[in-house]
Amino acid sequence: MIRFANTALTQIASGRLLFCCLSLLLGGCGDNQSAYLDNGGGQSLSVVREQSYLLGPWKSTLVSAATPRCQKRHALEGMSERAFLLKVYRPEQGVFILNAGPRWFVTELQNCEFQVYRTPPPLPGEAVGRFEVRNNTLEFVAEKPVKR
């Protein structure tokens, strides 16, 4: 009888330990986002990064919005690394070219269109800034104006 009670207590303790470990694993997921707002135009770009479980891959999404006309989410394929860096260029008003290493994307905010470039564009436009991870947080860092 005492042996049965010890075994039952051990199983309960093991179950609780397993539950606590699973809770930590699921609770360790990440979810952070950063936004860039185009001044005065009601247009914005946001990058959302989500991690389903601790030490799992990051899923990155671009949200382009031109309020009130449209708001769309676009998957940024191949951008799951921890050292996230996405450079933002503007060749013309309402059009943004995004670069992450060998990957190039373009988004047009009038209709929230999105496209992947097969080859780098010859002139991506004016550098606006970059989305990057700093201190485990995704931020938008604006390009500093050139001093004259």
C-alpha atoms as a PDB file:
ATOM      1  CA  MET A   1       0.000   0.000   0.000  1.00  0.00           C
ATOM      2  CA  ILE A   2       2.787   2.444   0.877  1.00  0.00           C
ATOM      3  CA  ARG A   3       4.660   1.448  -2.280  1.00  0.00           C
ATOM      4  CA  PHE A   4       1.548   2.159  -4.382  1.00  0.00           C
ATOM      5  CA  ALA A   5       1.171   5.588  -2.733  1.00  0.00           C
ATOM      6  CA  ASN A   6       4.823   6.480  -3.461  1.00  0.00           C
ATOM      7  CA  THR A   7       4.421   5.416  -7.097  1.00  0.00           C
ATOM      8  CA  ALA A   8       1.218   7.456  -7.464  1.00  0.00           C
ATOM      9  CA  LEU A   9       2.901  10.531  -5.916  1.00  0.00           C
ATOM     10  CA  THR A  10       5.888  10.106  -8.242  1.00  0.00           C
ATOM     11  CA  GLN A  11       3.582   9.924 -11.271  1.00  0.00           C
ATOM     12  CA  ILE A  12       1.673  13.037 -10.143  1.00  0.00           C
ATOM     13  CA  ALA A  13       4.938  14.919  -9.578  1.00  0.00           C
ATOM     14  CA  SER A  14       6.229  13.804 -12.992  1.00  0.00           C
ATOM     15  CA  GLY A  15       2.986  14.951 -14.626  1.00  0.00           C
ATOM     16  CA  ARG A  16       3.208  18.355 -12.977  1.00  0.00           C
ATOM     17  CA  LEU A  17       6.841  18.728 -14.020  1.00  0.00           C
ATOM     18  CA  LEU A  18       5.951  17.815 -17.613  1.00  0.00           C
ATOM     19  CA  PHE A  19       3.034  20.303 -17.572  1.00  0.00           C
ATOM     20  CA  CYS A  20       5.336  23.079 -16.273  1.00  0.00           C
ATOM     21  CA  CYS A  21       7.946  22.340 -18.947  1.00  0.00           C
ATOM     22  CA  LEU A  22       5.336  22.376 -21.714  1.00  0.00           C
ATOM     23  CA  SER A  23       3.895  25.628 -20.371  1.00  0.00           C
ATOM     24  CA  LEU A  24       7.340  27.232 -20.495  1.00  0.00           C
ATOM     25  CA  LEU A  25       7.900  25.939 -24.011  1.00  0.00           C
ATOM     26  CA  LEU A  26       4.606  27.353 -25.296  1.00  0.00           C
ATOM     27  CA  GLY A  27       4.888  30.511 -23.215  1.00  0.00           C
ATOM     28  CA  GLY A  28       8.302  31.248 -24.696  1.00  0.00           C
ATOM     29  CA  CYS A  29       6.907  32.096 -28.100  1.00  0.00           C
ATOM     30  CA  GLY A  30       7.630  35.512 -29.533  1.00  0.00           C
ATOM     31  CA  ASP A  31       5.421  38.074 -31.174  1.00  0.00           C
ATOM     32  CA  ASN A  32       6.696  41.513 -31.965  1.00  0.00           C
ATOM     33  CA  GLN A  33       6.046  44.020 -34.672  1.00  0.00           C
ATOM     34  CA  SER A  34       7.236  47.357 -35.914  1.00  0.00           C
ATOM     35  CA  ALA A  35       5.659  49.939 -38.191  1.00  0.00           C
ATOM     36  CA  TYR A  36       6.692  52.637 -40.608  1.00  0.00           C
ATOM     37  CA  LEU A  37       4.144  55.341 -41.338  1.00  0.00           C
ATOM     38  CA  ASP A  38       4.477  57.466 -44.472  1.00  0.00           C
ATOM     39  CA  ASN A  39       3.983  61.015 -43.220  1.00  0.00           C
ATOM     40  CA  GLY A  40       0.810  62.663 -44.385  1.00  0.00           C
ATOM     41  CA  GLY A  41      -0.336  60.024 -46.827  1.00  0.00           C
ATOM     42  CA  GLY A  42      -2.372  57.606 -44.679  1.00  0.00           C
ATOM     43  CA  GLN A  43      -0.094  54.842 -45.948  1.00  0.00           C
ATOM     44  CA  SER A  44       1.959  52.525 -43.794  1.00  0.00           C
ATOM     45  CA  LEU A  45       4.212  49.503 -43.869  1.00  0.00           C
ATOM     46  CA  SER A  46       4.391  47.158 -40.899  1.00  0.00           C
ATOM     47  CA  VAL A  47       6.500  44.083 -40.371  1.00  0.00           C
ATOM     48  CA  VAL A  48       5.109  41.423 -38.046  1.00  0.00           C
ATOM     49  CA  ARG A  49       7.277  38.581 -36.787  1.00  0.00           C
ATOM     50  CA  GLU A  50       5.731  35.636 -34.924  1.00  0.00           C
ATOM     51  CA  GLN A  51       7.298  32.594 -33.298  1.00  0.00           C
ATOM     52  CA  SER A  52       4.947  29.693 -32.523  1.00  0.00           C
ATOM     53  CA  TYR A  53       7.131  28.023 -29.904  1.00  0.00           C
ATOM     54  CA  LEU A  54      10.390  28.609 -28.025  1.00  0.00           C
ATOM     55  CA  LEU A  55      13.429  28.278 -30.306  1.00  0.00           C
ATOM     56  CA  GLY A  56      11.105  27.661 -33.259  1.00  0.00           C
ATOM     57  CA  PRO A  57      11.341  29.454 -36.602  1.00  0.00           C
ATOM     58  CA  TRP A  58      10.147  33.017 -37.013  1.00  0.00           C
ATOM     59  CA  LYS A  59       7.364  33.755 -39.504  1.00  0.00           C
ATOM     60  CA  SER A  60       7.671  37.231 -41.015  1.00  0.00           C
ATOM     61  CA  THR A  61       4.828  39.157 -42.642  1.00  0.00           C
ATOM     62  CA  LEU A  62       4.631  42.554 -44.319  1.00  0.00           C
ATOM     63  CA  VAL A  63       1.396  44.478 -43.792  1.00  0.00           C
ATOM     64  CA  SER A  64       0.819  47.208 -46.361  1.00  0.00           C
ATOM     65  CA  ALA A  65      -1.995  49.659 -45.737  1.00  0.00           C
ATOM     66  CA  ALA A  66      -3.516  52.629 -47.483  1.00  0.00           C
ATOM     67  CA  THR A  67      -6.403  53.630 -45.271  1.00  0.00           C
ATOM     68  CA  PRO A  68      -9.287  53.411 -45.907  1.00  0.00           C
ATOM     69  CA  ARG A  69      -8.833  51.695 -49.309  1.00  0.00           C
ATOM     70  CA  CYS A  70      -6.903  48.565 -48.378  1.00  0.00           C
ATOM     71  CA  GLN A  71      -4.822  46.628 -45.887  1.00  0.00           C
ATOM     72  CA  LYS A  72      -3.113  43.375 -46.889  1.00  0.00           C
ATOM     73  CA  ARG A  73      -0.711  40.871 -45.345  1.00  0.00           C
ATOM     74  CA  HIS A  74       2.121  39.485 -47.461  1.00  0.00           C
ATOM     75  CA  ALA A  75       4.353  36.589 -46.351  1.00  0.00           C
ATOM     76  CA  LEU A  76       8.063  37.404 -46.415  1.00  0.00           C
ATOM     77  CA  GLU A  77       9.331  33.960 -47.394  1.00  0.00           C
ATOM     78  CA  GLY A  78      12.808  32.926 -46.296  1.00  0.00           C
ATOM     79  CA  MET A  79      13.067  35.592 -43.584  1.00  0.00           C
ATOM     80  CA  SER A  80      12.957  33.434 -40.485  1.00  0.00           C
ATOM     81  CA  GLU A  81      16.474  34.084 -39.202  1.00  0.00           C
ATOM     82  CA  ARG A  82      17.025  35.734 -35.837  1.00  0.00           C
ATOM     83  CA  ALA A  83      19.298  38.429 -37.299  1.00  0.00           C
ATOM     84  CA  PHE A  84      16.428  40.036 -39.200  1.00  0.00           C
ATOM     85  CA  LEU A  85      17.272  42.961 -41.483  1.00  0.00           C
ATOM     86  CA  LEU A  86      14.932  44.399 -44.124  1.00  0.00           C
ATOM     87  CA  LYS A  87      16.061  47.593 -45.911  1.00  0.00           C
ATOM     88  CA  VAL A  88      13.384  49.980 -47.222  1.00  0.00           C
ATOM     89  CA  TYR A  89      13.766  52.194 -50.315  1.00  0.00           C
ATOM     90  CA  ARG A  90      11.288  54.568 -51.996  1.00  0.00           C
ATOM     91  CA  PRO A  91      11.690  55.078 -55.769  1.00  0.00           C
ATOM     92  CA  GLU A  92       8.484  57.172 -55.934  1.00  0.00           C
ATOM     93  CA  GLN A  93       5.611  58.224 -53.674  1.00  0.00           C
ATOM     94  CA  GLY A  94       3.570  55.212 -52.520  1.00  0.00           C
ATOM     95  CA  VAL A  95       6.020  52.600 -53.862  1.00  0.00           C
ATOM     96  CA  PHE A  96       8.551  50.844 -51.659  1.00  0.00           C
ATOM     97  CA  ILE A  97      11.310  48.410 -52.560  1.00  0.00           C
ATOM     98  CA  LEU A  98      12.420  46.095 -49.765  1.00  0.00           C
ATOM     99  CA  ASN A  99      15.721  44.202 -49.586  1.00  0.00           C
ATOM    100  CA  ALA A 100      16.870  41.360 -47.366  1.00  0.00           C
ATOM    101  CA  GLY A 101      20.181  39.986 -48.625  1.00  0.00           C
ATOM    102  CA  PRO A 102      19.515  38.282 -51.963  1.00  0.00           C
ATOM    103  CA  ARG A 103      15.718  38.765 -51.679  1.00  0.00           C
ATOM    104  CA  TRP A 104      13.984  41.820 -53.174  1.00  0.00           C
ATOM    105  CA  PHE A 105      10.307  42.785 -52.865  1.00  0.00           C
ATOM    106  CA  VAL A 106       8.187  45.688 -54.079  1.00  0.00           C
ATOM    107  CA  THR A 107       4.954  46.951 -52.591  1.00  0.00           C
ATOM    108  CA  GLU A 108       2.689  49.620 -53.989  1.00  0.00           C
ATOM    109  CA  LEU A 109       0.420  51.266 -51.428  1.00  0.00           C
ATOM    110  CA  GLN A 110      -2.275  52.714 -53.699  1.00  0.00           C
ATOM    111  CA  ASN A 111      -3.831  49.237 -54.070  1.00  0.00           C
ATOM    112  CA  CYS A 112      -1.655  47.319 -51.530  1.00  0.00           C
ATOM    113  CA  GLU A 113       0.014  45.279 -54.271  1.00  0.00           C
ATOM    114  CA  PHE A 114       3.069  43.110 -53.543  1.00  0.00           C
ATOM    115  CA  GLN A 115       5.569  41.317 -55.754  1.00  0.00           C
ATOM    116  CA  VAL A 116       8.842  39.419 -55.383  1.00  0.00           C
ATOM    117  CA  TYR A 117      11.678  40.558 -57.680  1.00  0.00           C
ATOM    118  CA  ARG A 118      13.559  37.775 -59.450  1.00  0.00           C
ATOM    119  CA  THR A 119      16.591  40.049 -59.949  1.00  0.00           C
ATOM    120  CA  PRO A 120      17.678  43.136 -58.010  1.00  0.00           C
ATOM    121  CA  PRO A 121      16.274  46.412 -59.369  1.00  0.00           C
ATOM    122  CA  PRO A 122      18.903  48.680 -60.984  1.00  0.00           C
ATOM    123  CA  LEU A 123      17.880  51.731 -58.905  1.00  0.00           C
ATOM    124  CA  PRO A 124      15.879  50.942 -55.742  1.00  0.00           C
ATOM    125  CA  GLY A 125      15.337  54.622 -54.922  1.00  0.00           C
ATOM    126  CA  GLU A 126      15.903  56.769 -51.863  1.00  0.00           C
ATOM    127  CA  ALA A 127      16.900  54.858 -48.694  1.00  0.00           C
ATOM    128  CA  VAL A 128      14.106  55.341 -46.145  1.00  0.00           C
ATOM    129  CA  GLY A 129      15.337  53.099 -43.331  1.00  0.00           C
ATOM    130  CA  ARG A 130      15.346  49.485 -42.204  1.00  0.00           C
ATOM    131  CA  PHE A 131      13.493  47.004 -40.051  1.00  0.00           C
ATOM    132  CA  GLU A 132      15.945  45.188 -37.785  1.00  0.00           C
ATOM    133  CA  VAL A 133      16.137  43.238 -34.565  1.00  0.00           C
ATOM    134  CA  ARG A 134      17.821  45.152 -31.732  1.00  0.00           C
ATOM    135  CA  ASN A 135      17.953  43.746 -28.211  1.00  0.00           C
ATOM    136  CA  ASN A 136      15.531  40.966 -29.243  1.00  0.00           C
ATOM    137  CA  THR A 137      12.952  43.518 -30.430  1.00  0.00           C
ATOM    138  CA  LEU A 138      12.001  44.329 -34.001  1.00  0.00           C
ATOM    139  CA  GLU A 139      12.258  48.063 -34.733  1.00  0.00           C
ATOM    140  CA  PHE A 140      12.132  50.444 -37.661  1.00  0.00           C
ATOM    141  CA  VAL A 141      15.264  52.603 -37.872  1.00  0.00           C
ATOM    142  CA  ALA A 142      14.810  55.665 -40.093  1.00  0.00           C
ATOM    143  CA  GLU A 143      17.593  56.723 -42.420  1.00  0.00           C
ATOM    144  CA  LYS A 144      19.239  59.866 -41.094  1.00  0.00           C
ATOM    145  CA  PRO A 145      18.897  62.940 -43.330  1.00  0.00           C
ATOM    146  CA  VAL A 146      22.064  64.024 -45.101  1.00  0.00           C
ATOM    147  CA  LYS A 147      23.667  67.083 -43.451  1.00  0.00           C
ATOM    148  CA  ARG A 148      24.596  69.875 -45.841  1.00  0.00           C
END
